[in-house]
PDB file of all heavy atoms in Angstrom:
ATOM      1  N   LEU A   1     -10.816   2.677   9.009  1.00  0.00           N
ATOM      2  CA  LEU A   1     -11.830   3.466   8.333  1.00  0.00           C
ATOM      3  C   LEU A   1     -11.402   3.739   6.891  1.00  0.00           C
ATOM      4  O   LEU A   1     -10.232   3.994   6.627  1.00  0.00           O
ATOM      5  CB  LEU A   1     -11.985   4.785   9.095  1.00  0.00           C
ATOM      6  CG  LEU A   1     -13.162   5.672   8.797  1.00  0.00           C
ATOM      7  CD1 LEU A   1     -14.459   4.948   9.148  1.00  0.00           C
ATOM      8  CD2 LEU A   1     -13.057   6.951   9.614  1.00  0.00           C
ATOM      9  N   VAL A   2     -12.326   3.701   5.952  1.00  0.00           N
ATOM     10  CA  VAL A   2     -11.954   3.853   4.539  1.00  0.00           C
ATOM     11  C   VAL A   2     -11.365   5.213   4.211  1.00  0.00           C
ATOM     12  O   VAL A   2     -10.733   5.376   3.176  1.00  0.00           O
ATOM     13  CB  VAL A   2     -13.131   3.572   3.576  1.00  0.00           C
ATOM     14  CG1 VAL A   2     -13.558   2.134   3.633  1.00  0.00           C
ATOM     15  CG2 VAL A   2     -14.274   4.502   3.808  1.00  0.00           C
ATOM     16  N   THR A   3     -11.538   6.203   5.057  1.00  0.00           N
ATOM     17  CA  THR A   3     -10.968   7.522   4.778  1.00  0.00           C
ATOM     18  C   THR A   3      -9.562   7.690   5.345  1.00  0.00           C
ATOM     19  O   THR A   3      -8.975   8.751   5.239  1.00  0.00           O
ATOM     20  CB  THR A   3     -11.867   8.626   5.357  1.00  0.00           C
ATOM     21  OG1 THR A   3     -12.026   8.393   6.752  1.00  0.00           O
ATOM     22  CG2 THR A   3     -13.218   8.643   4.672  1.00  0.00           C
ATOM     23  N   TYR A   4      -9.025   6.662   5.948  1.00  0.00           N
ATOM     24  CA  TYR A   4      -7.681   6.716   6.503  1.00  0.00           C
ATOM     25  C   TYR A   4      -6.675   6.940   5.382  1.00  0.00           C
ATOM     26  O   TYR A   4      -6.724   6.286   4.352  1.00  0.00           O
ATOM     27  CB  TYR A   4      -7.391   5.406   7.247  1.00  0.00           C
ATOM     28  CG  TYR A   4      -6.176   5.443   8.116  1.00  0.00           C
ATOM     29  CD1 TYR A   4      -6.208   6.045   9.361  1.00  0.00           C
ATOM     30  CD2 TYR A   4      -4.989   4.873   7.689  1.00  0.00           C
ATOM     31  CE1 TYR A   4      -5.090   6.078  10.165  1.00  0.00           C
ATOM     32  CE2 TYR A   4      -3.858   4.899   8.483  1.00  0.00           C
ATOM     33  CZ  TYR A   4      -3.920   5.498   9.724  1.00  0.00           C
ATOM     34  OH  TYR A   4      -2.801   5.524  10.504  1.00  0.00           O
ATOM     35  N   ASN A   5      -5.735   7.865   5.562  1.00  0.00           N
ATOM     36  CA  ASN A   5      -4.881   8.317   4.464  1.00  0.00           C
ATOM     37  C   ASN A   5      -3.582   7.554   4.246  1.00  0.00           C
ATOM     38  O   ASN A   5      -3.021   7.616   3.173  1.00  0.00           O
ATOM     39  CB  ASN A   5      -4.533   9.797   4.653  1.00  0.00           C
ATOM     40  CG  ASN A   5      -5.743  10.676   4.506  1.00  0.00           C
ATOM     41  OD1 ASN A   5      -6.643  10.374   3.739  1.00  0.00           O
ATOM     42  ND2 ASN A   5      -5.775  11.751   5.255  1.00  0.00           N
ATOM     43  N   ASN A   6      -3.069   6.860   5.231  1.00  0.00           N
ATOM     44  CA  ASN A   6      -1.743   6.255   5.109  1.00  0.00           C
ATOM     45  C   ASN A   6      -1.770   4.815   4.616  1.00  0.00           C
ATOM     46  O   ASN A   6      -0.944   4.008   5.000  1.00  0.00           O
ATOM     47  CB  ASN A   6      -1.004   6.320   6.443  1.00  0.00           C
ATOM     48  CG  ASN A   6      -0.650   7.737   6.816  1.00  0.00           C
ATOM     49  OD1 ASN A   6      -0.489   8.575   5.949  1.00  0.00           O
ATOM     50  ND2 ASN A   6      -0.561   8.001   8.091  1.00  0.00           N
ATOM     51  N   ILE A   7      -2.723   4.490   3.780  1.00  0.00           N
ATOM     52  CA  ILE A   7      -2.838   3.135   3.253  1.00  0.00           C
ATOM     53  C   ILE A   7      -2.781   3.201   1.738  1.00  0.00           C
ATOM     54  O   ILE A   7      -3.434   4.037   1.115  1.00  0.00           O
ATOM     55  CB  ILE A   7      -4.135   2.469   3.729  1.00  0.00           C
ATOM     56  CG1 ILE A   7      -4.121   2.386   5.259  1.00  0.00           C
ATOM     57  CG2 ILE A   7      -4.294   1.094   3.118  1.00  0.00           C
ATOM     58  CD1 ILE A   7      -5.362   1.837   5.861  1.00  0.00           C
ATOM     59  N   GLY A   8      -1.986   2.330   1.147  1.00  0.00           N
ATOM     60  CA  GLY A   8      -1.818   2.320  -0.300  1.00  0.00           C
ATOM     61  C   GLY A   8      -2.786   1.385  -1.001  1.00  0.00           C
ATOM     62  O   GLY A   8      -3.699   0.834  -0.401  1.00  0.00           O
ATOM     63  N   ILE A   9      -2.537   1.213  -2.272  1.00  0.00           N
ATOM     64  CA  ILE A   9      -3.320   0.288  -3.071  1.00  0.00           C
ATOM     65  C   ILE A   9      -2.349  -0.553  -3.885  1.00  0.00           C
ATOM     66  O   ILE A   9      -1.297  -0.070  -4.314  1.00  0.00           O
ATOM     67  CB  ILE A   9      -4.338   1.014  -3.964  1.00  0.00           C
ATOM     68  CG1 ILE A   9      -5.292   0.016  -4.588  1.00  0.00           C
ATOM     69  CG2 ILE A   9      -3.654   1.892  -4.987  1.00  0.00           C
ATOM     70  CD1 ILE A   9      -6.568   0.619  -5.078  1.00  0.00           C
ATOM     71  N   ARG A  10      -2.667  -1.803  -4.048  1.00  0.00           N
ATOM     72  CA  ARG A  10      -1.804  -2.724  -4.778  1.00  0.00           C
ATOM     73  C   ARG A  10      -2.630  -3.356  -5.887  1.00  0.00           C
ATOM     74  O   ARG A  10      -3.376  -4.305  -5.653  1.00  0.00           O
ATOM     75  CB  ARG A  10      -1.285  -3.800  -3.828  1.00  0.00           C
ATOM     76  CG  ARG A  10      -0.220  -4.662  -4.410  1.00  0.00           C
ATOM     77  CD  ARG A  10       0.293  -5.605  -3.341  1.00  0.00           C
ATOM     78  NE  ARG A  10       1.460  -6.307  -3.818  1.00  0.00           N
ATOM     79  CZ  ARG A  10       2.179  -7.117  -3.099  1.00  0.00           C
ATOM     80  NH1 ARG A  10       1.867  -7.337  -1.849  1.00  0.00           N
ATOM     81  NH2 ARG A  10       3.217  -7.730  -3.616  1.00  0.00           N
ATOM     82  N   PRO A  11      -2.540  -2.806  -7.087  1.00  0.00           N
ATOM     83  CA  PRO A  11      -3.371  -3.331  -8.176  1.00  0.00           C
ATOM     84  C   PRO A  11      -2.938  -4.728  -8.603  1.00  0.00           C
ATOM     85  O   PRO A  11      -1.786  -5.119  -8.460  1.00  0.00           O
ATOM     86  CB  PRO A  11      -3.151  -2.332  -9.315  1.00  0.00           C
ATOM     87  CG  PRO A  11      -1.881  -1.650  -9.007  1.00  0.00           C
ATOM     88  CD  PRO A  11      -1.694  -1.711  -7.522  1.00  0.00           C
ATOM     89  N   VAL A  12      -3.912  -5.466  -9.110  1.00  0.00           N
ATOM     90  CA  VAL A  12      -3.695  -6.825  -9.587  1.00  0.00           C
ATOM     91  C   VAL A  12      -4.237  -6.896 -11.005  1.00  0.00           C
ATOM     92  O   VAL A  12      -5.307  -6.375 -11.292  1.00  0.00           O
ATOM     93  CB  VAL A  12      -4.436  -7.848  -8.701  1.00  0.00           C
ATOM     94  CG1 VAL A  12      -4.295  -9.244  -9.254  1.00  0.00           C
ATOM     95  CG2 VAL A  12      -3.940  -7.774  -7.280  1.00  0.00           C
ATOM     96  N   ILE A  13      -3.493  -7.512 -11.886  1.00  0.00           N
ATOM     97  CA  ILE A  13      -3.926  -7.675 -13.272  1.00  0.00           C
ATOM     98  C   ILE A  13      -4.114  -9.162 -13.539  1.00  0.00           C
ATOM     99  O   ILE A  13      -3.220  -9.963 -13.282  1.00  0.00           O
ATOM    100  CB  ILE A  13      -2.890  -7.100 -14.254  1.00  0.00           C
ATOM    101  CG1 ILE A  13      -2.703  -5.614 -13.980  1.00  0.00           C
ATOM    102  CG2 ILE A  13      -3.312  -7.344 -15.690  1.00  0.00           C
ATOM    103  CD1 ILE A  13      -1.565  -4.982 -14.757  1.00  0.00           C
ATOM    104  N   SER A  14      -5.282  -9.533 -14.025  1.00  0.00           N
ATOM    105  CA  SER A  14      -5.553 -10.926 -14.373  1.00  0.00           C
ATOM    106  C   SER A  14      -5.155 -11.166 -15.825  1.00  0.00           C
ATOM    107  O   SER A  14      -5.558 -10.412 -16.709  1.00  0.00           O
ATOM    108  CB  SER A  14      -7.042 -11.238 -14.198  1.00  0.00           C
ATOM    109  OG  SER A  14      -7.412 -11.053 -12.869  1.00  0.00           O
ATOM    110  N   LEU A  15      -4.372 -12.196 -16.048  1.00  0.00           N
ATOM    111  CA  LEU A  15      -3.922 -12.532 -17.400  1.00  0.00           C
ATOM    112  C   LEU A  15      -4.722 -13.702 -17.936  1.00  0.00           C
ATOM    113  O   LEU A  15      -5.107 -14.594 -17.193  1.00  0.00           O
ATOM    114  CB  LEU A  15      -2.432 -12.884 -17.377  1.00  0.00           C
ATOM    115  CG  LEU A  15      -1.503 -11.809 -16.830  1.00  0.00           C
ATOM    116  CD1 LEU A  15      -0.085 -12.346 -16.735  1.00  0.00           C
ATOM    117  CD2 LEU A  15      -1.558 -10.561 -17.689  1.00  0.00           C
ATOM    118  N   ARG A  16      -4.951 -13.700 -19.222  1.00  0.00           N
ATOM    119  CA  ARG A  16      -5.689 -14.816 -19.808  1.00  0.00           C
ATOM    120  C   ARG A  16      -4.805 -16.067 -19.847  1.00  0.00           C
ATOM    121  O   ARG A  16      -3.582 -15.992 -19.744  1.00  0.00           O
ATOM    122  CB  ARG A  16      -6.194 -14.449 -21.204  1.00  0.00           C
ATOM    123  CG  ARG A  16      -5.116 -14.323 -22.260  1.00  0.00           C
ATOM    124  CD  ARG A  16      -5.720 -14.041 -23.635  1.00  0.00           C
ATOM    125  NE  ARG A  16      -4.687 -13.963 -24.617  1.00  0.00           N
ATOM    126  CZ  ARG A  16      -4.059 -12.863 -24.980  1.00  0.00           C
ATOM    127  NH1 ARG A  16      -4.396 -11.721 -24.439  1.00  0.00           N
ATOM    128  NH2 ARG A  16      -3.100 -12.898 -25.885  1.00  0.00           N
ATOM    129  N   GLN A  17      -5.423 -17.185 -20.010  1.00  0.00           N
ATOM    130  CA  GLN A  17      -4.730 -18.465 -20.053  1.00  0.00           C
ATOM    131  C   GLN A  17      -3.717 -18.465 -21.198  1.00  0.00           C
ATOM    132  O   GLN A  17      -3.966 -17.947 -22.280  1.00  0.00           O
ATOM    133  CB  GLN A  17      -5.744 -19.586 -20.266  1.00  0.00           C
ATOM    134  CG  GLN A  17      -5.154 -20.951 -20.176  1.00  0.00           C
ATOM    135  CD  GLN A  17      -6.230 -22.026 -20.274  1.00  0.00           C
ATOM    136  OE1 GLN A  17      -7.410 -21.742 -20.357  1.00  0.00           O
ATOM    137  NE2 GLN A  17      -5.801 -23.266 -20.261  1.00  0.00           N
ATOM    138  N   GLY A  18      -2.558 -19.042 -20.955  1.00  0.00           N
ATOM    139  CA  GLY A  18      -1.527 -19.134 -21.980  1.00  0.00           C
ATOM    140  C   GLY A  18      -0.472 -18.046 -21.891  1.00  0.00           C
ATOM    141  O   GLY A  18       0.565 -18.128 -22.540  1.00  0.00           O
ATOM    142  N   ILE A  19      -0.704 -17.010 -21.079  1.00  0.00           N
ATOM    143  CA  ILE A  19       0.281 -15.944 -20.892  1.00  0.00           C
ATOM    144  C   ILE A  19       1.258 -16.403 -19.817  1.00  0.00           C
ATOM    145  O   ILE A  19       0.865 -16.932 -18.782  1.00  0.00           O
ATOM    146  CB  ILE A  19      -0.402 -14.626 -20.450  1.00  0.00           C
ATOM    147  CG1 ILE A  19      -1.414 -14.162 -21.480  1.00  0.00           C
ATOM    148  CG2 ILE A  19       0.625 -13.551 -20.142  1.00  0.00           C
ATOM    149  CD1 ILE A  19      -0.807 -13.705 -22.787  1.00  0.00           C
ATOM    150  N   SER A  20       2.545 -16.195 -20.044  1.00  0.00           N
ATOM    151  CA  SER A  20       3.520 -16.624 -19.048  1.00  0.00           C
ATOM    152  C   SER A  20       4.528 -15.520 -18.751  1.00  0.00           C
ATOM    153  O   SER A  20       4.795 -14.648 -19.576  1.00  0.00           O
ATOM    154  CB  SER A  20       4.253 -17.884 -19.521  1.00  0.00           C
ATOM    155  OG  SER A  20       4.939 -17.632 -20.721  1.00  0.00           O
ATOM    156  N   TYR A  21       5.074 -15.587 -17.562  1.00  0.00           N
ATOM    157  CA  TYR A  21       6.095 -14.658 -17.094  1.00  0.00           C
ATOM    158  C   TYR A  21       7.400 -14.961 -17.816  1.00  0.00           C
ATOM    159  O   TYR A  21       7.803 -16.106 -17.939  1.00  0.00           O
ATOM    160  CB  TYR A  21       6.251 -14.830 -15.578  1.00  0.00           C
ATOM    161  CG  TYR A  21       7.479 -14.191 -15.009  1.00  0.00           C
ATOM    162  CD1 TYR A  21       7.516 -12.830 -14.765  1.00  0.00           C
ATOM    163  CD2 TYR A  21       8.589 -14.945 -14.721  1.00  0.00           C
ATOM    164  CE1 TYR A  21       8.645 -12.245 -14.238  1.00  0.00           C
ATOM    165  CE2 TYR A  21       9.725 -14.371 -14.177  1.00  0.00           C
ATOM    166  CZ  TYR A  21       9.741 -13.006 -13.945  1.00  0.00           C
ATOM    167  OH  TYR A  21      10.866 -12.421 -13.424  1.00  0.00           O
ATOM    168  N   LYS A  22       8.077 -13.916 -18.299  1.00  0.00           N
ATOM    169  CA  LYS A  22       9.350 -14.105 -18.985  1.00  0.00           C
ATOM    170  C   LYS A  22      10.516 -13.620 -18.130  1.00  0.00           C
ATOM    171  O   LYS A  22      11.461 -14.355 -17.901  1.00  0.00           O
ATOM    172  CB  LYS A  22       9.331 -13.385 -20.331  1.00  0.00           C
ATOM    173  CG  LYS A  22      10.575 -13.605 -21.148  1.00  0.00           C
ATOM    174  CD  LYS A  22      10.456 -12.946 -22.502  1.00  0.00           C
ATOM    175  CE  LYS A  22      11.729 -13.141 -23.300  1.00  0.00           C
ATOM    176  NZ  LYS A  22      11.701 -12.411 -24.560  1.00  0.00           N
ATOM    177  N   GLU A  23      10.446 -12.346 -17.662  1.00  0.00           N
ATOM    178  CA  GLU A  23      11.527 -11.799 -16.839  1.00  0.00           C
ATOM    179  C   GLU A  23      11.080 -10.518 -16.150  1.00  0.00           C
ATOM    180  O   GLU A  23       9.980 -10.043 -16.364  1.00  0.00           O
ATOM    181  CB  GLU A  23      12.768 -11.524 -17.696  1.00  0.00           C
ATOM    182  CG  GLU A  23      12.528 -10.493 -18.802  1.00  0.00           C
ATOM    183  CD  GLU A  23      13.741 -10.312 -19.695  1.00  0.00           C
ATOM    184  OE1 GLU A  23      13.881 -11.063 -20.658  1.00  0.00           O
ATOM    185  OE2 GLU A  23      14.528  -9.399 -19.388  1.00  0.00           O
ATOM    186  N   GLY A  24      11.966  -9.948 -15.325  1.00  0.00           N
ATOM    187  CA  GLY A  24      11.698  -8.696 -14.629  1.00  0.00           C
ATOM    188  C   GLY A  24      11.299  -8.928 -13.183  1.00  0.00           C
ATOM    189  O   GLY A  24      10.876 -10.009 -12.807  1.00  0.00           O
ATOM    190  N   ILE A  25      11.458  -7.850 -12.385  1.00  0.00           N
ATOM    191  CA  ILE A  25      11.112  -7.939 -10.967  1.00  0.00           C
ATOM    192  C   ILE A  25       9.993  -6.971 -10.590  1.00  0.00           C
ATOM    193  O   ILE A  25       9.669  -6.818  -9.420  1.00  0.00           O
ATOM    194  CB  ILE A  25      12.351  -7.720 -10.073  1.00  0.00           C
ATOM    195  CG1 ILE A  25      12.978  -6.347 -10.318  1.00  0.00           C
ATOM    196  CG2 ILE A  25      13.366  -8.827 -10.268  1.00  0.00           C
ATOM    197  CD1 ILE A  25      14.057  -5.974  -9.312  1.00  0.00           C
ATOM    198  N   GLY A  26       9.422  -6.275 -11.544  1.00  0.00           N
ATOM    199  CA  GLY A  26       8.274  -5.409 -11.286  1.00  0.00           C
ATOM    200  C   GLY A  26       8.619  -3.997 -10.858  1.00  0.00           C
ATOM    201  O   GLY A  26       7.776  -3.280 -10.351  1.00  0.00           O
ATOM    202  N   THR A  27       9.852  -3.577 -11.058  1.00  0.00           N
ATOM    203  CA  THR A  27      10.236  -2.201 -10.742  1.00  0.00           C
ATOM    204  C   THR A  27      10.231  -1.360 -12.012  1.00  0.00           C
ATOM    205  O   THR A  27      10.102  -1.892 -13.119  1.00  0.00           O
ATOM    206  CB  THR A  27      11.647  -2.152 -10.118  1.00  0.00           C
ATOM    207  OG1 THR A  27      12.599  -2.621 -11.083  1.00  0.00           O
ATOM    208  CG2 THR A  27      11.719  -2.984  -8.852  1.00  0.00           C
ATOM    209  N   LEU A  28      10.390  -0.048 -11.844  1.00  0.00           N
ATOM    210  CA  LEU A  28      10.433   0.847 -12.994  1.00  0.00           C
ATOM    211  C   LEU A  28      11.615   0.509 -13.908  1.00  0.00           C
ATOM    212  O   LEU A  28      11.489   0.513 -15.127  1.00  0.00           O
ATOM    213  CB  LEU A  28      10.510   2.305 -12.522  1.00  0.00           C
ATOM    214  CG  LEU A  28      10.376   3.382 -13.587  1.00  0.00           C
ATOM    215  CD1 LEU A  28       9.055   3.248 -14.333  1.00  0.00           C
ATOM    216  CD2 LEU A  28      10.498   4.756 -12.953  1.00  0.00           C
ATOM    217  N   SER A  29      12.762   0.185 -13.317  1.00  0.00           N
ATOM    218  CA  SER A  29      13.940  -0.121 -14.130  1.00  0.00           C
ATOM    219  C   SER A  29      13.949  -1.565 -14.670  1.00  0.00           C
ATOM    220  O   SER A  29      14.615  -1.844 -15.659  1.00  0.00           O
ATOM    221  CB  SER A  29      15.217   0.138 -13.333  1.00  0.00           C
ATOM    222  OG  SER A  29      15.235  -0.658 -12.179  1.00  0.00           O
ATOM    223  N   GLU A  30      13.241  -2.467 -14.010  1.00  0.00           N
ATOM    224  CA  GLU A  30      13.143  -3.855 -14.456  1.00  0.00           C
ATOM    225  C   GLU A  30      11.687  -4.328 -14.405  1.00  0.00           C
ATOM    226  O   GLU A  30      11.312  -5.122 -13.549  1.00  0.00           O
ATOM    227  CB  GLU A  30      14.001  -4.773 -13.577  1.00  0.00           C
ATOM    228  CG  GLU A  30      15.486  -4.529 -13.700  1.00  0.00           C
ATOM    229  CD  GLU A  30      16.274  -5.542 -12.856  1.00  0.00           C
ATOM    230  OE1 GLU A  30      16.109  -6.742 -13.093  1.00  0.00           O
ATOM    231  OE2 GLU A  30      17.014  -5.095 -11.977  1.00  0.00           O
ATOM    232  N   PRO A  31      10.857  -3.832 -15.330  1.00  0.00           N
ATOM    233  CA  PRO A  31       9.430  -4.211 -15.309  1.00  0.00           C
ATOM    234  C   PRO A  31       9.232  -5.683 -15.654  1.00  0.00           C
ATOM    235  O   PRO A  31      10.091  -6.313 -16.273  1.00  0.00           O
ATOM    236  CB  PRO A  31       8.805  -3.316 -16.368  1.00  0.00           C
ATOM    237  CG  PRO A  31       9.931  -3.021 -17.303  1.00  0.00           C
ATOM    238  CD  PRO A  31      11.171  -2.974 -16.455  1.00  0.00           C
ATOM    239  N   TYR A  32       8.077  -6.210 -15.249  1.00  0.00           N
ATOM    240  CA  TYR A  32       7.737  -7.572 -15.636  1.00  0.00           C
ATOM    241  C   TYR A  32       7.571  -7.619 -17.154  1.00  0.00           C
ATOM    242  O   TYR A  32       7.022  -6.713 -17.755  1.00  0.00           O
ATOM    243  CB  TYR A  32       6.418  -8.010 -15.010  1.00  0.00           C
ATOM    244  CG  TYR A  32       6.474  -8.192 -13.512  1.00  0.00           C
ATOM    245  CD1 TYR A  32       5.632  -7.456 -12.688  1.00  0.00           C
ATOM    246  CD2 TYR A  32       7.347  -9.108 -12.930  1.00  0.00           C
ATOM    247  CE1 TYR A  32       5.680  -7.616 -11.311  1.00  0.00           C
ATOM    248  CE2 TYR A  32       7.397  -9.266 -11.561  1.00  0.00           C
ATOM    249  CZ  TYR A  32       6.558  -8.516 -10.760  1.00  0.00           C
ATOM    250  OH  TYR A  32       6.593  -8.690  -9.416  1.00  0.00           O
ATOM    251  N   ILE A  33       8.041  -8.686 -17.740  1.00  0.00           N
ATOM    252  CA  ILE A  33       7.828  -8.921 -19.163  1.00  0.00           C
ATOM    253  C   ILE A  33       7.110 -10.249 -19.288  1.00  0.00           C
ATOM    254  O   ILE A  33       7.550 -11.265 -18.747  1.00  0.00           O
ATOM    255  CB  ILE A  33       9.158  -8.938 -19.953  1.00  0.00           C
ATOM    256  CG1 ILE A  33       9.835  -7.563 -19.815  1.00  0.00           C
ATOM    257  CG2 ILE A  33       8.938  -9.326 -21.390  1.00  0.00           C
ATOM    258  CD1 ILE A  33      11.176  -7.449 -20.465  1.00  0.00           C
ATOM    259  N   ILE A  34       5.984 -10.209 -19.964  1.00  0.00           N
ATOM    260  CA  ILE A  34       5.187 -11.413 -20.152  1.00  0.00           C
ATOM    261  C   ILE A  34       5.077 -11.715 -21.635  1.00  0.00           C
ATOM    262  O   ILE A  34       5.284 -10.860 -22.479  1.00  0.00           O
ATOM    263  CB  ILE A  34       3.782 -11.271 -19.519  1.00  0.00           C
ATOM    264  CG1 ILE A  34       3.065 -10.062 -20.099  1.00  0.00           C
ATOM    265  CG2 ILE A  34       3.879 -11.157 -18.019  1.00  0.00           C
ATOM    266  CD1 ILE A  34       1.653  -9.922 -19.680  1.00  0.00           C
TER     267      ILE A  34
END
């Protein structure tokens, strides 16, 4: 049910063509760098 409380959300960001991943693991201390 959509009102269930113990479920998170995982946002997704779409990047435009030509953007590439450089480094990082996606944490607060090691964010992704593009």
